[in-house]
Each structure stands twice: as structure tokens, then as C-alpha cells.
PDB file of N, CA and C in Angstrom:
ATOM      1  N   LEU A   1     -13.951 -24.559 -24.749  1.00  0.00           N
ATOM      2  CA  LEU A   1     -12.780 -25.348 -24.136  1.00  0.00           C
ATOM      3  C   LEU A   1     -12.382 -26.692 -25.309  1.00  0.00           C
ATOM      4  N   GLN A   2     -13.190 -27.314 -26.355  1.00  0.00           N
ATOM      5  CA  GLN A   2     -13.380 -28.526 -27.011  1.00  0.00           C
ATOM      6  C   GLN A   2     -11.972 -28.360 -27.422  1.00  0.00           C
ATOM      7  N   ASP A   3     -11.858 -26.891 -27.874  1.00  0.00           N
ATOM      8  CA  ASP A   3     -10.409 -27.253 -29.030  1.00  0.00           C
ATOM      9  C   ASP A   3      -9.065 -27.104 -28.259  1.00  0.00           C
ATOM     10  N   VAL A   4      -9.552 -27.033 -26.651  1.00  0.00           N
ATOM     11  CA  VAL A   4      -7.997 -27.436 -25.805  1.00  0.00           C
ATOM     12  C   VAL A   4      -7.518 -28.615 -25.752  1.00  0.00           C
ATOM     13  N   PRO A   5      -6.592 -28.867 -25.695  1.00  0.00           N
ATOM     14  CA  PRO A   5      -6.252 -30.736 -25.433  1.00  0.00           C
ATOM     15  C   PRO A   5      -6.110 -30.720 -23.933  1.00  0.00           C
ATOM     16  N   VAL A   6      -6.590 -31.936 -23.420  1.00  0.00           N
ATOM     17  CA  VAL A   6      -7.096 -31.943 -21.418  1.00  0.00           C
ATOM     18  C   VAL A   6      -5.845 -32.073 -21.047  1.00  0.00           C
ATOM     19  N   ASP A   7      -4.864 -31.407 -21.346  1.00  0.00           N
ATOM     20  CA  ASP A   7      -3.626 -32.781 -20.357  1.00  0.00           C
ATOM     21  C   ASP A   7      -3.224 -32.115 -19.275  1.00  0.00           C
ATOM     22  N   GLU A   8      -2.411 -32.656 -18.721  1.00  0.00           N
ATOM     23  CA  GLU A   8      -2.135 -32.073 -17.121  1.00  0.00           C
ATOM     24  C   GLU A   8      -1.778 -30.340 -17.020  1.00  0.00           C
ATOM     25  N   THR A   9      -0.590 -30.361 -17.605  1.00  0.00           N
ATOM     26  CA  THR A   9      -0.211 -28.737 -18.087  1.00  0.00           C
ATOM     27  C   THR A   9      -1.620 -27.733 -18.167  1.00  0.00           C
ATOM     28  N   VAL A  10      -2.338 -28.041 -18.500  1.00  0.00           N
ATOM     29  CA  VAL A  10      -3.687 -27.293 -18.978  1.00  0.00           C
ATOM     30  C   VAL A  10      -3.961 -27.000 -17.524  1.00  0.00           C
ATOM     31  N   LEU A  11      -4.410 -28.371 -17.242  1.00  0.00           N
ATOM     32  CA  LEU A  11      -5.395 -28.399 -16.197  1.00  0.00           C
ATOM     33  C   LEU A  11      -4.946 -27.729 -15.163  1.00  0.00           C
ATOM     34  N   MET A  12      -3.750 -27.631 -14.800  1.00  0.00           N
ATOM     35  CA  MET A  12      -2.742 -27.402 -14.047  1.00  0.00           C
ATOM     36  C   MET A  12      -2.285 -25.765 -13.621  1.00  0.00           C
ATOM     37  N   ASP A  13      -2.169 -25.616 -15.097  1.00  0.00           N
ATOM     38  CA  ASP A  13      -2.295 -23.498 -15.730  1.00  0.00           C
ATOM     39  C   ASP A  13      -3.800 -23.714 -15.160  1.00  0.00           C
ATOM     40  N   TYR A  14      -5.144 -24.032 -15.202  1.00  0.00           N
ATOM     41  CA  TYR A  14      -6.075 -23.593 -14.784  1.00  0.00           C
ATOM     42  C   TYR A  14      -5.996 -23.425 -13.458  1.00  0.00           C
ATOM     43  N   VAL A  15      -5.920 -24.495 -13.120  1.00  0.00           N
ATOM     44  CA  VAL A  15      -5.475 -24.329 -11.294  1.00  0.00           C
ATOM     45  C   VAL A  15      -4.820 -23.536 -10.762  1.00  0.00           C
ATOM     46  N   ARG A  16      -3.974 -23.135 -10.943  1.00  0.00           N
ATOM     47  CA  ARG A  16      -3.140 -21.658 -10.704  1.00  0.00           C
ATOM     48  C   ARG A  16      -4.265 -20.476 -11.368  1.00  0.00           C
ATOM     49  N   ARG A  17      -4.279 -20.896 -12.210  1.00  0.00           N
ATOM     50  CA  ARG A  17      -5.417 -19.093 -12.493  1.00  0.00           C
ATOM     51  C   ARG A  17      -6.417 -18.846 -11.062  1.00  0.00           C
ATOM     52  N   PHE A  18      -7.037 -20.101 -11.669  1.00  0.00           N
ATOM     53  CA  PHE A  18      -8.105 -19.732  -9.833  1.00  0.00           C
ATOM     54  C   PHE A  18      -7.661 -19.758  -8.697  1.00  0.00           C
ATOM     55  N   GLN A  19      -5.993 -20.006  -8.281  1.00  0.00           N
ATOM     56  CA  GLN A  19      -5.647 -20.195  -7.017  1.00  0.00           C
ATOM     57  C   GLN A  19      -5.313 -17.951  -6.958  1.00  0.00           C
ATOM     58  N   GLN A  20      -4.579 -18.221  -7.907  1.00  0.00           N
ATOM     59  CA  GLN A  20      -4.455 -16.766  -7.929  1.00  0.00           C
ATOM     60  C   GLN A  20      -4.942 -15.493  -7.784  1.00  0.00           C
ATOM     61  N   MET A  21      -6.452 -15.880  -8.672  1.00  0.00           N
ATOM     62  CA  MET A  21      -8.354 -14.980  -7.960  1.00  0.00           C
ATOM     63  C   MET A  21      -8.359 -14.857  -7.006  1.00  0.00           C
ATOM     64  N   ALA A  22      -8.048 -16.409  -6.479  1.00  0.00           N
ATOM     65  CA  ALA A  22      -8.836 -16.495  -4.865  1.00  0.00           C
ATOM     66  C   ALA A  22      -7.788 -15.274  -4.376  1.00  0.00           C
ATOM     67  N   LEU A  23      -6.732 -15.642  -3.965  1.00  0.00           N
ATOM     68  CA  LEU A  23      -5.370 -15.101  -3.015  1.00  0.00           C
ATOM     69  C   LEU A  23      -5.507 -13.569  -3.307  1.00  0.00           C
ATOM     70  N   GLN A  24      -5.594 -13.138  -5.158  1.00  0.00           N
ATOM     71  CA  GLN A  24      -6.069 -11.562  -4.784  1.00  0.00           C
ATOM     72  C   GLN A  24      -6.798 -10.821  -4.177  1.00  0.00           C
ATOM     73  N   LYS A  25      -7.980 -11.858  -4.727  1.00  0.00           N
ATOM     74  CA  LYS A  25      -9.523 -11.696  -3.803  1.00  0.00           C
ATOM     75  C   LYS A  25      -9.049 -10.782  -2.301  1.00  0.00           C
ATOM     76  N   MET A  26      -8.248 -12.641  -1.967  1.00  0.00           N
ATOM     77  CA  MET A  26      -8.097 -12.048  -0.395  1.00  0.00           C
ATOM     78  C   MET A  26      -7.462 -10.962   0.318  1.00  0.00           C
ATOM     79  N   TYR A  27      -6.340 -10.630  -1.377  1.00  0.00           N
ATOM     80  CA  TYR A  27      -5.229  -9.551  -0.757  1.00  0.00           C
ATOM     81  C   TYR A  27      -6.180  -7.958  -0.957  1.00  0.00           C
ATOM     82  N   ASP A  28      -6.904  -8.438  -2.309  1.00  0.00           N
ATOM     83  CA  ASP A  28      -8.111  -7.038  -1.538  1.00  0.00           C
ATOM     84  C   ASP A  28      -8.642  -6.831  -0.026  1.00  0.00           C
ATOM     85  N   GLU A  29      -8.888  -7.544  -0.217  1.00  0.00           N
ATOM     86  CA  GLU A  29      -9.849  -7.419   1.345  1.00  0.00           C
ATOM     87  C   GLU A  29      -8.956  -7.400   2.133  1.00  0.00           C
ATOM     88  N   HIS A  30      -8.091  -7.667   2.906  1.00  0.00           N
ATOM     89  CA  HIS A  30      -6.793  -7.387   3.703  1.00  0.00           C
ATOM     90  C   HIS A  30      -6.440  -5.732   3.054  1.00  0.00           C
ATOM     91  N   SER A  31      -6.107  -5.831   2.243  1.00  0.00           N
ATOM     92  CA  SER A  31      -5.561  -4.277   2.088  1.00  0.00           C
ATOM     93  C   SER A  31      -6.680  -3.506   2.282  1.00  0.00           C
ATOM     94  N   ARG A  32      -8.154  -3.319   1.545  1.00  0.00           N
ATOM     95  CA  ARG A  32      -8.930  -2.288   1.732  1.00  0.00           C
ATOM     96  C   ARG A  32      -9.216  -2.090   3.377  1.00  0.00           C
ATOM     97  N   LYS A  33      -9.063  -3.731   4.114  1.00  0.00           N
ATOM     98  CA  LYS A  33      -9.373  -3.527   5.962  1.00  0.00           C
ATOM     99  C   LYS A  33      -7.941  -3.003   6.163  1.00  0.00           C
ATOM    100  N   ALA A  34      -6.861  -2.936   5.665  1.00  0.00           N
ATOM    101  CA  ALA A  34      -5.447  -1.771   6.190  1.00  0.00           C
ATOM    102  C   ALA A  34      -5.604  -0.596   5.782  1.00  0.00           C
ATOM    103  N   ALA A  35      -6.199  -0.048   4.589  1.00  0.00           N
ATOM    104  CA  ALA A  35      -6.305   1.302   4.219  1.00  0.00           C
ATOM    105  C   ALA A  35      -7.476   1.567   5.554  1.00  0.00           C
ATOM    106  N   GLU A  36      -8.580   1.107   6.187  1.00  0.00           N
ATOM    107  CA  GLU A  36      -9.754   1.441   6.634  1.00  0.00           C
ATOM    108  C   GLU A  36      -9.118   1.850   8.500  1.00  0.00           C
ATOM    109  N   PHE A  37      -8.229   0.879   9.289  1.00  0.00           N
ATOM    110  CA  PHE A  37      -7.782   0.536  10.216  1.00  0.00           C
ATOM    111  C   PHE A  37      -6.766   1.601  10.202  1.00  0.00           C
ATOM    112  N   SER A  38      -5.558   1.925   9.159  1.00  0.00           N
ATOM    113  CA  SER A  38      -4.946   3.231   9.022  1.00  0.00           C
ATOM    114  C   SER A  38      -5.481   4.495   9.220  1.00  0.00           C
ATOM    115  N   LYS A  39      -6.324   4.577   8.634  1.00  0.00           N
ATOM    116  CA  LYS A  39      -6.892   6.256   8.068  1.00  0.00           C
ATOM    117  C   LYS A  39      -8.131   6.389  10.190  1.00  0.00           C
ATOM    118  N   ASN A  40      -8.387   5.543  10.563  1.00  0.00           N
ATOM    119  CA  ASN A  40      -8.626   5.703  11.799  1.00  0.00           C
ATOM    120  C   ASN A  40      -7.963   4.894  13.068  1.00  0.00           C
ATOM    121  N   ASN A  41      -6.505   5.051  12.557  1.00  0.00           N
ATOM    122  CA  ASN A  41      -5.184   5.030  13.516  1.00  0.00           C
ATOM    123  C   ASN A  41      -4.881   4.089  14.559  1.00  0.00           C
ATOM    124  N   ASP A  42      -6.286   2.527  13.437  1.00  0.00           N
ATOM    125  CA  ASP A  42      -6.411   1.681  14.455  1.00  0.00           C
ATOM    126  C   ASP A  42      -4.751   0.437  14.497  1.00  0.00           C
ATOM    127  N   GLU A  43      -4.285  -0.021  15.265  1.00  0.00           N
ATOM    128  CA  GLU A  43      -3.133  -0.909  15.261  1.00  0.00           C
ATOM    129  C   GLU A  43      -3.592  -2.164  14.642  1.00  0.00           C
ATOM    130  N   ARG A  44      -4.734  -2.275  14.531  1.00  0.00           N
ATOM    131  CA  ARG A  44      -4.672  -3.211  13.783  1.00  0.00           C
ATOM    132  C   ARG A  44      -4.276  -3.863  11.765  1.00  0.00           C
ATOM    133  N   PHE A  45      -3.886  -2.290  11.692  1.00  0.00           N
ATOM    134  CA  PHE A  45      -3.890  -2.269  10.407  1.00  0.00           C
ATOM    135  C   PHE A  45      -2.483  -2.729  10.108  1.00  0.00           C
ATOM    136  N   ILE A  46      -1.072  -3.010  11.154  1.00  0.00           N
ATOM    137  CA  ILE A  46      -0.612  -3.581  10.874  1.00  0.00           C
ATOM    138  C   ILE A  46      -0.533  -5.453  11.367  1.00  0.00           C
ATOM    139  N   ILE A  47      -1.651  -5.837  11.378  1.00  0.00           N
ATOM    140  CA  ILE A  47      -2.422  -7.383  11.058  1.00  0.00           C
ATOM    141  C   ILE A  47      -2.195  -7.615  10.088  1.00  0.00           C
ATOM    142  N   GLU A  48      -3.325  -6.510   9.102  1.00  0.00           N
ATOM    143  CA  GLU A  48      -4.177  -6.890   8.158  1.00  0.00           C
ATOM    144  C   GLU A  48      -2.700  -6.458   7.162  1.00  0.00           C
ATOM    145  N   LEU A  49      -1.786  -5.050   7.447  1.00  0.00           N
ATOM    146  CA  LEU A  49      -0.634  -5.274   6.283  1.00  0.00           C
ATOM    147  C   LEU A  49       0.515  -6.657   5.913  1.00  0.00           C
ATOM    148  N   GLU A  50      -0.250  -7.459   7.518  1.00  0.00           N
ATOM    149  CA  GLU A  50       1.228  -8.744   7.225  1.00  0.00           C
ATOM    150  C   GLU A  50       0.397  -9.657   6.613  1.00  0.00           C
ATOM    151  N   GLU A  51      -0.945  -9.793   6.285  1.00  0.00           N
ATOM    152  CA  GLU A  51      -2.320 -10.769   5.535  1.00  0.00           C
ATOM    153  C   GLU A  51      -1.656 -10.462   4.385  1.00  0.00           C
ATOM    154  N   CYS A  52      -1.709  -8.700   3.769  1.00  0.00           N
ATOM    155  CA  CYS A  52      -1.555  -8.655   2.839  1.00  0.00           C
ATOM    156  C   CYS A  52       0.280  -8.846   2.459  1.00  0.00           C
ATOM    157  N   LYS A  53       1.150  -9.318   2.991  1.00  0.00           N
ATOM    158  CA  LYS A  53       2.825  -9.588   2.594  1.00  0.00           C
ATOM    159  C   LYS A  53       2.454 -11.665   2.919  1.00  0.00           C
ATOM    160  N   LYS A  54       1.323 -12.631   3.170  1.00  0.00           N
ATOM    161  CA  LYS A  54       1.617 -13.142   3.300  1.00  0.00           C
ATOM    162  C   LYS A  54       1.179 -13.706   1.955  1.00  0.00           C
ATOM    163  N   ILE A  55      -0.082 -13.237   1.962  1.00  0.00           N
ATOM    164  CA  ILE A  55      -0.670 -13.786   0.571  1.00  0.00           C
ATOM    165  C   ILE A  55       0.195 -13.864  -0.844  1.00  0.00           C
ATOM    166  N   LYS A  56       0.763 -12.247  -0.758  1.00  0.00           N
ATOM    167  CA  LYS A  56       1.678 -11.743  -1.735  1.00  0.00           C
ATOM    168  C   LYS A  56       2.299 -12.739  -1.882  1.00  0.00           C
ATOM    169  N   GLU A  57       3.192 -13.573  -0.558  1.00  0.00           N
ATOM    170  CA  GLU A  57       3.795 -14.697  -0.921  1.00  0.00           C
ATOM    171  C   GLU A  57       3.897 -15.550  -1.268  1.00  0.00           C
ATOM    172  N   GLN A  58       1.943 -15.884  -1.109  1.00  0.00           N
ATOM    173  CA  GLN A  58       1.446 -17.449  -1.454  1.00  0.00           C
ATOM    174  C   GLN A  58       2.155 -16.638  -3.088  1.00  0.00           C
ATOM    175  N   MET A  59       1.140 -16.086  -3.688  1.00  0.00           N
ATOM    176  CA  MET A  59       1.262 -15.308  -4.943  1.00  0.00           C
ATOM    177  C   MET A  59       2.019 -15.702  -5.713  1.00  0.00           C
ATOM    178  N   THR A  60       3.081 -15.620  -5.215  1.00  0.00           N
ATOM    179  CA  THR A  60       4.355 -15.494  -5.909  1.00  0.00           C
ATOM    180  C   THR A  60       4.540 -16.826  -5.986  1.00  0.00           C
ATOM    181  N   LEU A  61       4.517 -17.423  -5.261  1.00  0.00           N
ATOM    182  CA  LEU A  61       4.419 -19.137  -4.946  1.00  0.00           C
ATOM    183  C   LEU A  61       3.624 -19.972  -6.604  1.00  0.00           C
ATOM    184  N   VAL A  62       2.199 -19.356  -6.241  1.00  0.00           N
ATOM    185  CA  VAL A  62       1.495 -19.950  -7.093  1.00  0.00           C
ATOM    186  C   VAL A  62       2.220 -20.169  -8.289  1.00  0.00           C
ATOM    187  N   LEU A  63       2.722 -18.962  -8.574  1.00  0.00           N
ATOM    188  CA  LEU A  63       3.131 -18.079 -10.345  1.00  0.00           C
ATOM    189  C   LEU A  63       4.273 -18.819 -10.873  1.00  0.00           C
ATOM    190  N   LYS A  64       5.365 -19.545  -9.629  1.00  0.00           N
ATOM    191  CA  LYS A  64       6.974 -19.919 -10.050  1.00  0.00           C
ATOM    192  C   LYS A  64       5.898 -21.482 -10.100  1.00  0.00           C
ATOM    193  N   GLY A  65       4.654 -21.725  -9.713  1.00  0.00           N
ATOM    194  CA  GLY A  65       4.360 -23.002 -10.058  1.00  0.00           C
ATOM    195  C   GLY A  65       4.946 -23.881  -9.469  1.00  0.00           C
TER     196      GLY A  65
END
């Protein structure tokens, strides 16, 4: 990191990357739950799919900056 200039653009890029990683982790967890609920014919899978959709929308917004 010593060779990287520390300015607002660089810092915001790091922030977006960390946000993306956190959102991806949340998405993976809700996706896993949706799959489990679906296998067991549990209607809660719909709630988990909705969460996945919301998270994907957030991920898109983060990418746009």
C-alpha cells in the first residue's frame, strides 16, 4: 500500500470492494437458505429469494458508485 497514492478515489474504491464482499457473503447465505427451504418444500424460500433480490440490487448500486 505504500506505493498507492491515498486519495478519495482510492479510498472509495476500497470501501466499494469491502461493501461488495460483505453483500456477496450475505447473498450467498440467503441463497443457501433458499435452496434448503426449497428442498424441504418450505415456503420460507420465497422470503429468502426476495432477500437475494434486494441484496443483488444493493450490489448493483455499490458498483455504480
